[in-house]
């Protein structure tokens, strides 16, 4: 299973994601749903090849871990 770590960047208002196991995979998107869709499309292109130069044909398991922090003002 490939683990994708995603975090929200409030300045750019974008989700950024990547994987330690697949350093070539770097994505960003305005919503988490868009980021997941982008990963699903791109991950096939960055998977390691087998000894015959082919990418494995089995389904790819992907796990997403997301982090988002916010600041709010107190009301007095």
Protein backbone atom coordinates (compact mmCIF):
# COMPACT_ATOMS: atom_id res chain seq x y z
CA UNK A 1 0.00 0.00 0.00
CA UNK A 2 1.30 3.42 -0.94
CA UNK A 3 0.78 6.14 1.64
CA UNK A 4 0.03 9.65 0.38
CA UNK A 5 0.53 12.49 2.86
CA UNK A 6 -1.48 15.61 2.14
CA UNK A 7 -1.48 18.97 3.88
CA UNK A 8 -3.43 22.17 3.45
CA UNK A 9 -1.50 25.36 2.65
CA UNK A 10 -3.66 28.28 3.71
CA UNK A 11 -1.50 30.82 1.85
CA UNK A 12 -1.91 29.15 -1.53
CA UNK A 13 -5.35 27.74 -0.62
CA UNK A 14 -4.26 24.37 -2.04
CA UNK A 15 -3.83 20.82 -0.86
CA UNK A 16 -0.31 19.46 -1.46
CA UNK A 17 0.41 15.74 -1.51
CA UNK A 18 3.23 13.32 -1.99
CA UNK A 19 4.65 9.97 -0.97
CA UNK A 20 7.96 9.00 0.62
CA UNK A 21 7.81 5.74 -1.35
CA UNK A 22 7.22 7.53 -4.66
CA UNK A 23 9.25 10.76 -4.56
CA UNK A 24 8.32 11.55 -8.19
CA UNK A 25 4.67 11.93 -7.13
CA UNK A 26 3.96 15.53 -6.16
CA UNK A 27 0.47 16.91 -6.60
CA UNK A 28 -1.55 19.94 -5.59
CA UNK A 29 -5.23 20.69 -5.91
CA UNK A 30 -7.83 23.12 -4.53
CA UNK A 31 -9.86 20.36 -2.84
CA UNK A 32 -8.98 17.06 -1.21
CA UNK A 33 -11.30 15.29 -3.67
CA UNK A 34 -9.40 16.82 -6.59
CA UNK A 35 -6.09 15.80 -5.03
CA UNK A 36 -7.28 12.20 -4.67
CA UNK A 37 -8.43 12.15 -8.30
CA UNK A 38 -5.08 13.56 -9.44
CA UNK A 39 -3.14 10.96 -7.43
CA UNK A 40 -5.29 8.17 -8.90
CA UNK A 41 -4.37 9.32 -12.41
CA UNK A 42 -0.67 10.05 -11.85
CA UNK A 43 0.39 7.19 -9.57
CA UNK A 44 0.40 4.68 -12.43
CA UNK A 45 3.05 6.73 -14.25
CA UNK A 46 5.48 6.80 -11.31
CA UNK A 47 5.22 3.20 -10.09
CA UNK A 48 8.45 1.21 -10.17
CA UNK A 49 8.86 -1.20 -13.07
CA UNK A 50 9.44 -4.93 -12.64
CA UNK A 51 12.49 -6.80 -13.95
CA UNK A 52 10.90 -6.99 -17.43
CA UNK A 53 10.34 -3.24 -17.69
CA UNK A 54 6.60 -3.45 -17.01
CA UNK A 55 4.50 -1.89 -14.32
CA UNK A 56 2.62 -4.44 -12.26
CA UNK A 57 -0.97 -4.99 -13.42
CA UNK A 58 -2.58 -5.66 -10.02
CA UNK A 59 -4.76 -3.01 -8.36
CA UNK A 60 -2.82 -0.35 -6.47
CA UNK A 61 -3.70 0.24 -2.80
CA UNK A 62 -3.47 3.91 -1.79
CA UNK A 63 -3.88 5.34 1.71
CA UNK A 64 -4.38 9.08 2.26
CA UNK A 65 -3.35 10.90 5.43
CA UNK A 66 -4.45 14.54 5.49
CA UNK A 67 -3.52 17.38 7.81
CA UNK A 68 -5.13 20.78 8.04
CA UNK A 69 -4.63 23.40 10.73
CA UNK A 70 -6.67 26.55 11.18
CA UNK A 71 -6.44 29.67 13.33
CA UNK A 72 -9.56 31.37 14.65
CA UNK A 73 -10.00 34.65 16.49
CA UNK A 74 -11.42 34.64 19.98
CA UNK A 75 -14.54 36.66 20.60
CA UNK A 76 -14.65 38.81 23.71
